N, C-alpha and C. Protein backbone atom coordinates (compact mmCIF):
# COMPACT_ATOMS: atom_id res chain seq x y z
N MET A 1 4.98 21.95 1.01
CA MET A 1 4.36 20.95 -0.04
C MET A 1 4.62 19.33 0.37
N TYR A 2 5.70 19.05 0.85
CA TYR A 2 6.08 17.61 1.10
C TYR A 2 5.09 17.36 2.68
N GLU A 3 4.90 18.36 3.34
CA GLU A 3 4.12 18.21 4.83
C GLU A 3 2.69 17.65 4.34
N ASN A 4 2.56 18.57 3.07
CA ASN A 4 1.06 18.23 3.00
C ASN A 4 0.86 16.93 2.60
N ILE A 5 2.17 16.22 1.87
CA ILE A 5 1.87 14.77 1.48
C ILE A 5 2.02 14.05 2.43
N ILE A 6 2.69 14.33 3.37
CA ILE A 6 2.29 13.34 5.03
C ILE A 6 1.29 13.03 5.52
N LYS A 7 0.40 14.47 5.33
CA LYS A 7 -0.63 14.72 5.56
C LYS A 7 -1.75 13.72 5.01
N GLU A 8 -1.34 13.24 3.68
CA GLU A 8 -2.56 13.05 2.88
C GLU A 8 -2.10 11.20 3.01
N LYS A 9 -0.87 10.97 3.71
CA LYS A 9 -0.81 9.71 3.94
C LYS A 9 0.05 9.13 2.58
N ILE A 10 0.26 9.91 1.74
CA ILE A 10 1.15 9.48 1.17
C ILE A 10 2.61 9.26 1.24
N THR A 11 3.18 8.42 1.90
CA THR A 11 4.21 8.35 2.54
C THR A 11 5.21 7.22 2.51
N TYR A 12 6.46 7.44 3.02
CA TYR A 12 7.24 6.49 2.83
C TYR A 12 6.98 5.32 3.48
N PHE A 13 6.15 4.91 4.69
CA PHE A 13 5.57 3.73 5.20
C PHE A 13 4.28 3.38 4.05
N ALA A 14 3.61 4.07 3.61
CA ALA A 14 2.44 3.92 3.26
C ALA A 14 2.63 3.23 1.77
N ILE A 15 3.84 3.49 1.02
CA ILE A 15 4.25 2.82 -0.29
C ILE A 15 4.82 1.79 0.02
N THR A 16 5.90 1.34 0.98
CA THR A 16 6.18 -0.24 0.88
C THR A 16 5.15 -1.01 1.50
N THR A 17 4.54 -0.67 2.08
CA THR A 17 3.30 -1.51 2.78
C THR A 17 2.11 -2.00 1.75
N ILE A 18 1.94 -0.95 1.03
CA ILE A 18 1.19 -1.24 -0.10
C ILE A 18 1.98 -2.40 -1.10
N LEU A 19 3.50 -2.06 -1.25
CA LEU A 19 4.00 -3.43 -2.33
C LEU A 19 4.18 -4.63 -1.42
N MET A 20 3.97 -4.74 -0.01
CA MET A 20 4.33 -5.85 0.91
C MET A 20 2.63 -6.84 0.41
N VAL A 21 1.74 -5.90 0.65
CA VAL A 21 0.14 -6.73 0.88
C VAL A 21 0.50 -8.23 0.08
N PRO A 22 0.88 -8.35 -1.05
CA PRO A 22 0.47 -9.57 -1.75
C PRO A 22 1.25 -11.01 -1.35
N PHE A 23 2.05 -10.42 -0.30
CA PHE A 23 2.75 -11.18 0.59
C PHE A 23 2.92 -11.84 2.26
N ILE A 24 1.09 -10.73 2.11
CA ILE A 24 0.86 -10.97 3.86
C ILE A 24 0.15 -12.09 4.23
N ALA A 25 -0.37 -12.73 3.26
CA ALA A 25 -1.15 -14.20 3.53
C ALA A 25 0.03 -15.37 3.68
N GLU A 26 0.88 -15.04 2.99
CA GLU A 26 1.53 -16.31 2.97
C GLU A 26 3.24 -16.41 3.38
N ALA A 27 3.49 -14.92 4.01
CA ALA A 27 4.26 -14.81 5.10
C ALA A 27 4.57 -15.35 6.16
N SER A 28 5.81 -15.79 6.31
CA SER A 28 6.03 -16.84 7.91
C SER A 28 6.57 -16.21 8.87
N PRO A 29 6.06 -15.60 10.22
CA PRO A 29 6.79 -14.68 11.08
C PRO A 29 8.14 -15.55 11.44
N VAL A 30 8.92 -14.44 11.80
CA VAL A 30 10.65 -14.92 12.29
C VAL A 30 10.64 -14.14 12.88
N ASP A 31 11.84 -14.41 13.80
CA ASP A 31 12.09 -13.66 15.03
C ASP A 31 13.05 -12.07 14.29
N GLY A 32 13.88 -12.15 13.17
CA GLY A 32 14.63 -11.22 12.64
C GLY A 32 13.88 -9.95 12.33
N PHE A 33 14.52 -8.82 12.02
CA PHE A 33 13.68 -7.66 11.47
C PHE A 33 14.41 -7.40 10.00
N GLU A 34 15.43 -7.03 10.40
CA GLU A 34 16.12 -5.99 9.19
C GLU A 34 16.30 -6.67 7.53
N ASP A 35 16.55 -6.63 6.59
CA ASP A 35 16.74 -7.33 5.19
C ASP A 35 18.05 -7.57 5.48
N GLY A 36 18.85 -8.68 4.83
CA GLY A 36 19.96 -9.19 4.52
C GLY A 36 20.06 -9.89 3.23
N PRO A 37 21.33 -9.90 2.63
CA PRO A 37 21.68 -10.66 1.53
C PRO A 37 21.56 -12.32 1.64
N ASN A 38 20.29 -12.66 1.73
CA ASN A 38 19.89 -13.92 1.76
C ASN A 38 18.77 -13.82 0.94
N PRO A 39 18.74 -15.51 0.35
CA PRO A 39 17.41 -15.92 -0.95
C PRO A 39 16.03 -15.65 0.30
N ASN A 40 15.81 -15.36 1.42
CA ASN A 40 14.90 -15.31 1.89
C ASN A 40 15.49 -14.52 3.10
N PHE A 41 14.51 -13.36 3.12
CA PHE A 41 15.40 -11.74 3.72
C PHE A 41 14.04 -11.19 4.39
N TYR A 42 13.91 -10.62 5.63
CA TYR A 42 12.99 -10.29 6.33
C TYR A 42 12.26 -8.99 6.30
N ILE A 43 11.15 -8.61 6.41
CA ILE A 43 10.72 -7.35 6.13
C ILE A 43 9.72 -7.30 7.50
N SER A 44 9.76 -6.25 8.41
CA SER A 44 9.16 -6.21 9.37
C SER A 44 8.52 -7.89 10.36
N GLN A 45 9.49 -8.32 10.32
CA GLN A 45 9.18 -9.61 11.33
C GLN A 45 8.65 -10.78 10.25
N GLN A 46 8.58 -10.37 9.11
CA GLN A 46 7.85 -11.31 8.03
C GLN A 46 9.23 -11.98 6.97
N LYS A 47 9.15 -12.89 6.97
CA LYS A 47 10.09 -13.56 5.66
C LYS A 47 9.72 -13.82 4.19
N MET A 48 10.59 -13.26 3.50
CA MET A 48 9.73 -13.22 2.22
C MET A 48 10.31 -13.61 1.16
N ASP A 49 9.85 -14.15 0.10
CA ASP A 49 10.94 -14.75 -1.03
C ASP A 49 11.44 -13.70 -1.99
N ILE A 50 12.62 -13.49 -1.68
CA ILE A 50 13.43 -12.60 -2.34
C ILE A 50 12.89 -12.27 -3.90
N ASP A 51 12.84 -13.53 -4.40
CA ASP A 51 12.39 -13.36 -5.87
C ASP A 51 10.59 -12.85 -6.27
N LYS A 52 10.05 -13.15 -5.37
CA LYS A 52 8.75 -12.76 -5.43
C LYS A 52 8.50 -11.20 -4.92
N VAL A 53 9.34 -10.72 -4.10
CA VAL A 53 9.44 -9.42 -4.00
C VAL A 53 9.86 -9.04 -4.73
N ALA A 54 10.90 -9.05 -5.77
CA ALA A 54 11.73 -8.10 -6.90
C ALA A 54 10.68 -8.13 -7.90
N GLN A 55 10.12 -9.31 -8.17
CA GLN A 55 9.02 -9.53 -9.31
C GLN A 55 7.92 -8.27 -9.13
N THR A 56 7.74 -8.40 -7.49
CA THR A 56 6.38 -7.72 -7.46
C THR A 56 6.65 -6.04 -7.70
N LEU A 57 7.93 -5.65 -7.64
CA LEU A 57 8.37 -4.15 -7.95
C LEU A 57 8.50 -4.01 -9.17
N VAL A 58 9.09 -5.15 -10.08
CA VAL A 58 8.98 -4.87 -11.34
C VAL A 58 7.66 -4.81 -11.92
N ASP A 59 6.93 -5.67 -11.32
CA ASP A 59 5.26 -5.39 -11.75
C ASP A 59 4.84 -4.12 -11.97
N THR A 60 4.89 -3.37 -10.37
CA THR A 60 4.41 -2.47 -10.19
C THR A 60 5.28 -1.12 -10.65
N CYS A 61 6.66 -1.21 -10.50
CA CYS A 61 7.03 0.39 -11.03
C CYS A 61 8.02 -0.14 -12.06
N GLY A 62 8.01 -1.36 -12.83
CA GLY A 62 8.54 -0.94 -14.09
C GLY A 62 10.11 -1.33 -13.73
N VAL A 63 10.71 -1.43 -12.92
CA VAL A 63 12.11 -1.42 -12.61
C VAL A 63 12.77 -2.43 -12.96
N LYS A 64 14.07 -3.01 -13.42
CA LYS A 64 14.47 -3.93 -13.58
C LYS A 64 14.98 -4.82 -12.62
N LYS A 65 14.53 -6.25 -13.28
CA LYS A 65 14.77 -7.05 -11.97
C LYS A 65 16.14 -7.38 -11.58
N ASP A 66 17.00 -7.28 -12.25
CA ASP A 66 18.51 -7.50 -11.90
C ASP A 66 18.69 -6.60 -10.94
N GLU A 67 18.58 -5.18 -11.01
CA GLU A 67 19.15 -3.97 -10.28
C GLU A 67 18.34 -4.34 -8.68
N VAL A 68 16.97 -4.63 -8.91
CA VAL A 68 16.26 -5.02 -7.54
C VAL A 68 17.27 -6.00 -6.87
N LEU A 69 16.96 -7.04 -7.49
CA LEU A 69 18.03 -8.41 -7.12
C LEU A 69 19.08 -7.73 -6.39
N SER A 70 20.02 -6.92 -7.13
CA SER A 70 21.33 -6.98 -6.69
C SER A 70 21.34 -5.75 -5.29
N TYR A 71 20.57 -4.72 -5.31
CA TYR A 71 20.43 -4.17 -4.01
C TYR A 71 20.00 -5.53 -2.60
N MET A 72 18.89 -5.82 -3.04
CA MET A 72 18.85 -6.89 -2.24
C MET A 72 19.80 -7.72 -1.42
N ASN A 73 20.25 -8.34 -2.25
CA ASN A 73 21.60 -8.85 -1.87
C ASN A 73 23.20 -7.91 -1.38
N GLU A 74 23.01 -7.17 -1.74
CA GLU A 74 23.83 -6.41 -0.84
C GLU A 74 23.34 -5.65 0.35
N GLY A 75 22.14 -6.17 0.41
CA GLY A 75 21.69 -5.65 2.08
C GLY A 75 20.93 -4.64 2.25
N VAL A 76 20.62 -3.97 1.32
CA VAL A 76 20.16 -2.58 1.02
C VAL A 76 18.67 -2.66 1.85
N ARG A 77 18.08 -2.03 2.38
CA ARG A 77 16.97 -1.95 3.28
C ARG A 77 15.81 -2.62 2.13
N PHE A 78 14.54 -3.20 2.43
CA PHE A 78 13.46 -3.09 1.42
C PHE A 78 12.70 -1.80 1.75
N LYS A 79 12.72 -1.18 2.50
CA LYS A 79 11.92 0.02 2.25
C LYS A 79 12.61 1.23 1.63
N ASP A 80 14.12 1.17 1.26
CA ASP A 80 14.58 1.91 0.45
C ASP A 80 14.78 1.48 -0.96
N ILE A 81 14.66 0.03 -1.05
CA ILE A 81 14.60 -0.50 -2.38
C ILE A 81 13.17 -0.22 -3.14
N ALA A 82 11.97 -0.26 -1.99
CA ALA A 82 11.01 -0.06 -2.03
C ALA A 82 10.34 1.49 -2.54
N MET A 83 10.94 2.15 -1.96
CA MET A 83 10.81 3.75 -2.20
C MET A 83 11.59 3.96 -3.53
N GLY A 84 12.75 3.46 -3.75
CA GLY A 84 13.65 3.70 -5.00
C GLY A 84 12.49 3.37 -6.07
N SER A 85 12.07 2.25 -5.95
CA SER A 85 11.41 1.82 -7.14
C SER A 85 9.97 2.58 -7.62
N PHE A 86 9.64 3.01 -6.38
CA PHE A 86 8.66 4.11 -6.73
C PHE A 86 8.80 5.27 -7.41
N VAL A 87 10.20 5.87 -6.74
CA VAL A 87 10.69 7.23 -7.25
C VAL A 87 11.10 6.78 -8.59
N ALA A 88 11.79 5.92 -8.91
CA ALA A 88 11.95 5.53 -10.55
C ALA A 88 10.82 5.56 -11.37
N LYS A 89 9.60 5.00 -10.87
CA LYS A 89 8.48 5.25 -11.71
C LYS A 89 8.01 6.66 -12.08
N VAL A 90 7.68 7.38 -11.10
CA VAL A 90 7.23 8.73 -11.33
C VAL A 90 8.04 9.56 -11.72
N SER A 91 9.44 9.36 -11.82
CA SER A 91 10.47 10.09 -12.42
C SER A 91 10.70 9.70 -13.71
N ASP A 92 10.54 8.60 -14.18
CA ASP A 92 10.80 7.91 -15.47
C ASP A 92 12.45 7.86 -15.53
N LYS A 93 12.99 7.28 -14.09
CA LYS A 93 14.29 7.23 -13.70
C LYS A 93 14.54 5.48 -13.77
N SER A 94 15.93 4.99 -13.99
CA SER A 94 16.05 3.60 -13.42
C SER A 94 16.35 3.75 -11.88
N LEU A 95 16.02 2.30 -11.32
CA LEU A 95 16.06 2.30 -9.86
C LEU A 95 17.72 2.62 -9.70
N LYS A 96 18.43 2.18 -10.26
CA LYS A 96 20.01 2.61 -9.91
C LYS A 96 20.41 4.10 -10.16
N GLU A 97 19.70 4.99 -11.24
CA GLU A 97 19.68 6.60 -11.04
C GLU A 97 19.16 6.84 -9.83
N VAL A 98 18.39 6.37 -9.30
CA VAL A 98 17.23 6.87 -8.42
C VAL A 98 18.15 6.77 -6.92
N MET A 99 18.80 5.25 -7.03
CA MET A 99 19.36 5.38 -5.92
C MET A 99 20.78 5.79 -5.67
N ASP A 100 21.13 6.37 -6.95
CA ASP A 100 22.75 7.11 -6.83
C ASP A 100 22.28 8.40 -6.14
N VAL A 101 21.37 8.88 -6.66
CA VAL A 101 20.64 10.28 -6.02
C VAL A 101 20.37 10.29 -4.74
N LYS A 102 19.87 9.11 -3.92
CA LYS A 102 19.50 9.04 -2.82
C LYS A 102 20.99 8.94 -1.72
N MET A 103 21.94 8.37 -2.66
CA MET A 103 23.38 8.48 -1.91
C MET A 103 23.76 9.93 -1.55
N GLN A 104 22.95 10.82 -2.22
CA GLN A 104 23.70 12.37 -2.22
C GLN A 104 22.86 12.74 -1.28
N HIS A 105 21.64 12.53 -0.65
CA HIS A 105 20.76 12.92 0.28
C HIS A 105 20.44 12.10 1.95
N HIS A 106 20.04 12.93 2.78
CA HIS A 106 19.82 12.02 3.97
C HIS A 106 18.58 11.69 3.79
N ASP A 107 17.44 12.12 3.30
CA ASP A 107 16.09 11.47 3.01
C ASP A 107 15.55 11.48 2.15
N TRP A 108 14.87 10.62 1.60
CA TRP A 108 13.67 11.00 0.23
C TRP A 108 12.89 12.27 -0.13
N LYS A 109 12.90 12.67 1.11
CA LYS A 109 12.26 14.57 0.77
C LYS A 109 13.54 14.92 -0.15
N GLY A 110 14.67 14.87 -0.13
CA GLY A 110 15.88 15.57 -1.04
C GLY A 110 15.93 14.49 -2.37
N VAL A 111 15.58 13.73 -2.26
CA VAL A 111 15.42 12.91 -3.49
C VAL A 111 14.26 13.45 -4.47
N PHE A 112 13.12 13.62 -3.84
CA PHE A 112 11.91 14.25 -4.60
C PHE A 112 12.17 15.78 -4.85
N GLU A 113 13.03 16.40 -4.04
CA GLU A 113 13.04 17.61 -4.45
C GLU A 113 14.22 17.56 -5.87
N ALA A 114 15.27 16.84 -5.43
CA ALA A 114 16.75 16.67 -6.32
C ALA A 114 16.01 16.34 -7.99
N LEU A 115 14.91 15.75 -7.84
CA LEU A 115 14.45 14.96 -9.05
C LEU A 115 13.14 16.12 -9.73
N ASN A 116 12.60 16.91 -9.07
CA ASN A 116 11.49 17.74 -9.44
C ASN A 116 10.43 16.90 -9.62
N ILE A 117 9.99 16.15 -8.66
CA ILE A 117 8.70 15.24 -8.56
C ILE A 117 7.69 15.99 -7.89
N SER A 118 6.27 16.07 -8.54
CA SER A 118 5.59 17.09 -7.94
C SER A 118 4.64 16.30 -7.01
N LYS A 119 3.99 17.08 -6.08
CA LYS A 119 2.87 16.35 -5.23
C LYS A 119 1.83 15.51 -5.84
N GLU A 120 1.51 16.07 -7.27
CA GLU A 120 0.32 15.67 -7.81
C GLU A 120 0.62 14.62 -8.47
N LYS A 121 2.32 14.27 -9.09
CA LYS A 121 2.57 13.22 -9.81
C LYS A 121 2.49 11.92 -8.86
N ILE A 122 3.07 12.51 -7.51
CA ILE A 122 3.26 11.35 -6.53
C ILE A 122 1.84 10.85 -6.19
N LYS A 123 0.86 11.72 -6.01
CA LYS A 123 -0.32 11.04 -5.61
C LYS A 123 -1.10 10.51 -6.57
N THR A 124 -1.07 11.01 -7.64
CA THR A 124 -1.46 10.27 -9.03
C THR A 124 -1.21 8.79 -8.73
N PHE A 125 0.24 8.39 -8.83
CA PHE A 125 0.94 6.94 -8.96
C PHE A 125 0.33 6.10 -7.72
N HIS A 126 0.40 6.83 -6.34
CA HIS A 126 0.20 6.58 -5.34
C HIS A 126 -1.45 5.77 -5.17
N ASN A 127 -2.56 6.76 -6.02
CA ASN A 127 -3.53 6.08 -5.77
C ASN A 127 -3.90 5.23 -6.89
N GLU A 128 -2.94 5.34 -7.96
CA GLU A 128 -3.18 3.78 -9.01
C GLU A 128 -2.26 2.72 -8.12
N MET A 129 -1.56 2.68 -7.27
CA MET A 129 -1.00 1.91 -6.83
C MET A 129 -2.26 1.15 -5.61
N ILE A 130 -3.06 2.07 -4.89
CA ILE A 130 -4.18 1.61 -4.31
C ILE A 130 -5.29 1.17 -4.87
N SER A 131 -5.95 1.41 -6.04
CA SER A 131 -6.74 1.22 -6.88
C SER A 131 -6.72 0.08 -7.43
N ASN A 132 -5.41 -0.46 -7.79
CA ASN A 132 -4.60 -2.05 -8.48
C ASN A 132 -4.75 -2.67 -7.15
N LEU A 133 -4.43 -2.57 -6.16
CA LEU A 133 -4.27 -3.26 -4.80
C LEU A 133 -5.90 -3.50 -4.23
N LEU A 134 -6.71 -2.64 -3.89
CA LEU A 134 -8.33 -2.77 -4.26
C LEU A 134 -9.02 -3.85 -5.30
N LYS A 135 -8.33 -3.60 -6.39
CA LYS A 135 -9.02 -4.72 -7.24
C LYS A 135 -8.32 -6.00 -7.37
N ASP A 136 -7.09 -6.07 -7.02
CA ASP A 136 -6.24 -7.43 -6.84
C ASP A 136 -6.77 -8.25 -5.59
N GLN A 137 -6.93 -7.29 -4.41
CA GLN A 137 -7.16 -8.00 -3.42
C GLN A 137 -8.76 -8.03 -3.02
N LEU A 138 -9.41 -6.93 -3.34
CA LEU A 138 -11.07 -7.16 -3.04
C LEU A 138 -12.06 -7.06 -4.23
N SER A 139 -11.45 -7.28 -4.98
CA SER A 139 -12.07 -7.13 -6.56
C SER A 139 -12.90 -5.93 -6.67
N ILE A 140 -12.64 -4.76 -6.21
CA ILE A 140 -13.29 -3.62 -6.54
C ILE A 140 -12.87 -3.39 -7.77
N PRO A 141 -13.73 -2.69 -9.03
CA PRO A 141 -13.20 -2.11 -9.87
C PRO A 141 -12.53 -1.00 -9.91
N LYS A 142 -11.39 -0.92 -10.53
CA LYS A 142 -10.39 -0.19 -10.53
C LYS A 142 -10.72 1.13 -10.99
N LYS A 143 -11.62 1.67 -11.51
CA LYS A 143 -12.31 2.92 -11.42
C LYS A 143 -13.10 3.30 -10.72
N THR A 144 -13.79 2.09 -10.15
CA THR A 144 -14.52 2.65 -8.64
C THR A 144 -13.68 3.14 -7.73
N ALA A 145 -12.78 2.50 -7.78
CA ALA A 145 -11.57 2.68 -6.11
C ALA A 145 -11.11 3.98 -6.49
N GLN A 146 -10.67 4.55 -7.76
CA GLN A 146 -10.10 5.40 -8.44
C GLN A 146 -11.03 6.67 -8.08
N ASP A 147 -12.13 6.66 -8.45
CA ASP A 147 -13.22 7.68 -8.43
C ASP A 147 -13.09 8.27 -6.69
N LEU A 148 -13.57 7.22 -6.19
CA LEU A 148 -13.57 7.21 -4.47
C LEU A 148 -12.31 7.84 -4.14
N LEU A 149 -11.22 7.40 -4.61
CA LEU A 149 -10.04 7.91 -3.72
C LEU A 149 -9.59 9.59 -4.11
N THR A 150 -10.10 9.76 -5.36
CA THR A 150 -9.99 11.17 -5.82
C THR A 150 -11.24 11.82 -5.39
N LYS A 151 -12.41 11.55 -4.87
CA LYS A 151 -13.20 12.28 -4.19
C LYS A 151 -13.02 12.08 -2.56
N GLY A 152 -11.32 11.70 -1.96
CA GLY A 152 -11.21 11.96 -0.79
C GLY A 152 -11.09 10.72 0.38
N TYR A 153 -11.60 9.64 0.00
CA TYR A 153 -11.84 8.56 0.87
C TYR A 153 -11.11 7.64 0.79
N GLN A 154 -10.65 7.26 2.79
CA GLN A 154 -9.71 6.65 2.55
C GLN A 154 -9.70 5.24 2.57
N PRO A 155 -8.66 4.28 1.69
CA PRO A 155 -8.46 3.13 1.01
C PRO A 155 -9.31 2.44 2.23
N ARG A 156 -8.81 2.11 3.71
CA ARG A 156 -9.43 1.64 4.56
C ARG A 156 -11.19 1.42 4.56
N ASP A 157 -11.68 2.57 4.55
CA ASP A 157 -12.95 2.85 4.44
C ASP A 157 -13.67 2.41 3.35
N ILE A 158 -12.78 2.42 2.11
CA ILE A 158 -13.42 1.69 1.06
C ILE A 158 -13.66 0.31 1.16
N ALA A 159 -12.61 -0.33 1.32
CA ALA A 159 -12.49 -1.64 1.68
C ALA A 159 -13.42 -2.22 3.02
N ILE A 160 -13.73 -1.46 3.89
CA ILE A 160 -14.98 -1.77 4.55
C ILE A 160 -16.10 -2.02 4.02
N ALA A 161 -16.61 -0.47 3.42
CA ALA A 161 -17.80 -0.41 2.68
C ALA A 161 -17.73 -1.39 1.65
N ASN A 162 -17.25 -1.95 0.70
CA ASN A 162 -17.25 -2.92 -0.19
C ASN A 162 -17.50 -4.00 0.48
N ALA A 163 -16.93 -4.62 1.67
CA ALA A 163 -17.47 -5.67 2.28
C ALA A 163 -19.12 -5.98 2.90
N LEU A 164 -19.49 -4.57 3.42
CA LEU A 164 -20.92 -4.24 3.88
C LEU A 164 -21.62 -4.26 2.56
N ALA A 165 -21.23 -3.59 1.71
CA ALA A 165 -21.94 -3.29 0.50
C ALA A 165 -22.23 -5.06 -0.15
N ASN A 166 -21.28 -5.67 -0.07
CA ASN A 166 -21.14 -7.20 -0.31
C ASN A 166 -22.45 -7.74 0.28
N ASP A 167 -22.42 -7.65 1.59
CA ASP A 167 -23.42 -8.57 2.50
C ASP A 167 -24.57 -7.86 2.43
N ALA A 168 -24.94 -6.83 2.17
CA ALA A 168 -26.39 -6.46 2.13
C ALA A 168 -26.92 -5.99 1.07
N ASN A 169 -25.82 -6.15 -0.03
CA ASN A 169 -26.19 -6.03 -1.31
C ASN A 169 -26.96 -4.75 -1.97
N LYS A 170 -25.93 -3.85 -1.12
CA LYS A 170 -26.08 -2.37 -1.73
C LYS A 170 -24.72 -1.90 -2.42
N SER A 171 -24.74 -0.80 -2.87
CA SER A 171 -23.83 0.05 -3.68
C SER A 171 -22.79 0.39 -2.87
N ILE A 172 -21.58 0.53 -3.07
CA ILE A 172 -20.48 0.79 -2.03
C ILE A 172 -20.63 2.31 -1.88
N ASP A 173 -20.93 2.96 -2.62
CA ASP A 173 -21.32 4.35 -2.62
C ASP A 173 -22.61 4.80 -1.84
N ASP A 174 -23.47 3.74 -1.67
CA ASP A 174 -24.55 4.21 -0.56
C ASP A 174 -24.13 3.73 0.86
N VAL A 175 -23.03 2.75 0.70
CA VAL A 175 -22.68 2.51 2.30
C VAL A 175 -21.63 3.48 2.99
N LEU A 176 -21.18 3.63 1.98
CA LEU A 176 -19.93 4.73 1.92
C LEU A 176 -20.70 6.14 2.61
N ALA A 177 -21.75 6.43 2.30
CA ALA A 177 -22.84 7.88 2.70
C ALA A 177 -23.26 7.46 4.15
N MET A 178 -23.13 6.06 4.48
CA MET A 178 -23.76 6.25 5.83
C MET A 178 -22.94 6.31 6.75
N ARG A 179 -21.60 6.18 6.48
CA ARG A 179 -20.47 6.47 7.40
C ARG A 179 -20.41 7.97 7.86
N THR A 180 -20.85 8.45 9.06
CA THR A 180 -20.47 9.63 9.31
C THR A 180 -19.46 10.21 10.35
N MET A 181 -19.28 11.12 11.30
CA MET A 181 -18.38 11.72 12.11
C MET A 181 -18.98 11.15 13.42
N THR A 182 -20.23 10.57 13.40
CA THR A 182 -21.13 10.37 14.83
C THR A 182 -21.24 8.65 14.73
N ASN A 183 -20.62 8.03 13.66
CA ASN A 183 -20.99 6.72 14.13
C ASN A 183 -19.63 5.69 13.94
N THR A 184 -19.84 4.31 13.89
CA THR A 184 -18.94 3.76 13.47
C THR A 184 -18.90 2.85 12.39
N TRP A 185 -18.34 2.06 12.00
CA TRP A 185 -18.36 1.02 10.80
C TRP A 185 -19.37 -0.33 11.37
N LYS A 186 -19.16 -0.53 12.69
CA LYS A 186 -20.19 -1.65 13.32
C LYS A 186 -21.46 -0.97 13.60
N ASP A 187 -21.57 0.54 13.01
CA ASP A 187 -22.97 0.86 13.90
C ASP A 187 -23.65 0.70 12.29
N VAL A 188 -22.56 0.93 11.03
CA VAL A 188 -23.25 0.99 9.77
C VAL A 188 -23.45 -0.49 9.44
N ALA A 189 -23.01 -1.33 9.75
CA ALA A 189 -23.36 -2.83 9.95
C ALA A 189 -24.54 -3.12 10.32
N SER A 190 -24.98 -2.81 11.75
CA SER A 190 -26.15 -2.93 12.20
C SER A 190 -27.23 -2.53 11.76
N THR A 191 -27.13 -1.01 11.22
CA THR A 191 -28.27 -0.65 10.53
C THR A 191 -28.73 -1.32 9.33
N LEU A 192 -27.28 -1.84 8.47
CA LEU A 192 -27.78 -2.43 7.10
C LEU A 192 -28.15 -4.26 7.71
N GLY A 193 -28.31 -4.33 8.87
CA GLY A 193 -28.89 -5.77 9.21
C GLY A 193 -27.99 -6.62 9.48
N ILE A 194 -26.60 -6.55 9.52
CA ILE A 194 -25.54 -7.26 9.32
C ILE A 194 -25.04 -7.68 10.69
N ASN A 195 -25.21 -9.20 10.83
CA ASN A 195 -24.88 -9.25 12.62
C ASN A 195 -23.46 -9.08 12.81
N ASP A 196 -23.31 -9.35 14.25
CA ASP A 196 -21.78 -9.31 14.50
C ASP A 196 -20.95 -10.05 14.44
N ASP A 197 -21.55 -11.39 13.95
CA ASP A 197 -20.68 -12.69 13.49
C ASP A 197 -19.86 -12.37 12.25
N LEU A 198 -20.85 -12.03 11.25
CA LEU A 198 -20.77 -11.43 9.94
C LEU A 198 -20.00 -10.27 9.70
N PHE A 199 -20.14 -9.11 10.78
CA PHE A 199 -19.10 -8.32 10.76
C PHE A 199 -17.83 -8.29 10.95
N LYS A 200 -17.55 -9.18 12.33
CA LYS A 200 -16.42 -9.72 12.72
C LYS A 200 -15.47 -10.50 11.49
N LYS A 201 -16.44 -11.49 11.03
CA LYS A 201 -15.71 -12.28 9.83
C LYS A 201 -15.35 -11.32 8.50
N ASP A 202 -15.91 -10.31 8.33
CA ASP A 202 -15.44 -9.30 7.12
C ASP A 202 -14.15 -8.98 7.85
N MET A 203 -14.33 -8.20 8.83
CA MET A 203 -12.98 -7.34 9.43
C MET A 203 -11.67 -8.25 9.77
N ASP A 204 -12.01 -9.73 10.13
CA ASP A 204 -11.12 -10.31 10.34
C ASP A 204 -9.95 -10.51 8.71
N ASN A 205 -11.21 -10.87 7.81
CA ASN A 205 -10.79 -11.06 6.17
C ASN A 205 -9.85 -10.31 5.71
N LEU A 206 -10.27 -9.01 5.96
CA LEU A 206 -9.51 -7.45 5.83
C LEU A 206 -8.42 -7.33 6.64
N GLN A 207 -8.41 -7.80 7.76
CA GLN A 207 -7.37 -7.80 8.88
C GLN A 207 -6.16 -8.81 8.11
N THR A 208 -6.18 -9.82 7.66
CA THR A 208 -5.50 -10.72 7.07
C THR A 208 -4.85 -10.35 5.56
N HIS A 209 -5.96 -9.81 4.62
CA HIS A 209 -5.65 -9.32 3.73
C HIS A 209 -5.24 -7.83 3.19
N MET A 210 -5.56 -7.09 4.06
CA MET A 210 -5.39 -5.64 3.83
C MET A 210 -4.50 -4.76 4.81
N PHE A 211 -4.77 -4.91 6.09
CA PHE A 211 -4.62 -4.23 7.36
C PHE A 211 -3.69 -4.36 8.38
N GLN A 212 -3.08 -5.74 7.90
CA GLN A 212 -2.07 -6.32 9.10
C GLN A 212 -0.73 -5.28 8.99
N HIS A 213 -0.13 -4.97 8.01
CA HIS A 213 1.08 -3.96 8.48
C HIS A 213 0.65 -2.47 8.13
N GLY A 214 -0.65 -1.94 8.58
CA GLY A 214 -0.80 -1.08 9.06
C GLY A 214 -1.33 0.27 7.78
N GLN A 215 -1.14 -0.43 6.59
CA GLN A 215 -1.56 0.71 5.54
C GLN A 215 -2.75 1.30 5.51
N PHE A 216 -3.85 0.31 6.25
CA PHE A 216 -5.19 0.72 6.12
C PHE A 216 -5.19 1.06 8.11
N SER A 217 -4.40 1.99 8.85
CA SER A 217 -4.97 2.07 10.26
C SER A 217 -6.61 2.20 10.56
N LYS A 218 -6.77 1.86 12.08
CA LYS A 218 -7.99 1.91 12.60
C LYS A 218 -7.98 3.46 12.92
N ASP A 219 -9.64 3.75 12.74
CA ASP A 219 -10.04 5.34 13.21
C ASP A 219 -9.43 5.50 14.22
């Protein structure tokens, strides 16, 4: 069951990077790596404002802000706090209850099993997070994103197709249909009459706002 979750990219890394996206553009590079009990703490070589990060977890997962801040100030790794917040949401538990369960298990797979969280419930909320991200960052209607995710399209392909659809005044569905196993997105852009400079501009924009931390990895 959980091997299938990994194959579908509903992963520990995917969830934490989704939650980081709102901070990508404003984050400043630093030399540090791990989180720590500091008002500005480090996430994958980015320095984040602790209050903003905490509020994102509150808004996305419905956890209590004081609990999030407490774990941050204790030096708990951001990826564990983010994953704990995700699990709290899908299990209808508090962050503290989830983190207490995590202390009894070596990995998050054990937590999923202990709390009887189904693959379907994880996938549903994962897609909810992705569709909200695509709506907030790229103005893709949430229902459109959810429908495409349900059909099996990857978030990266949806994001690129949206950019090209806007350039060519086409529907996102029509553009997605042009992408096959034998061509590339650059080929699709060329077919649509989108020149190389505009295609590069689109990709640079997506790289800045969506792809920087690997959530939507390259083909």
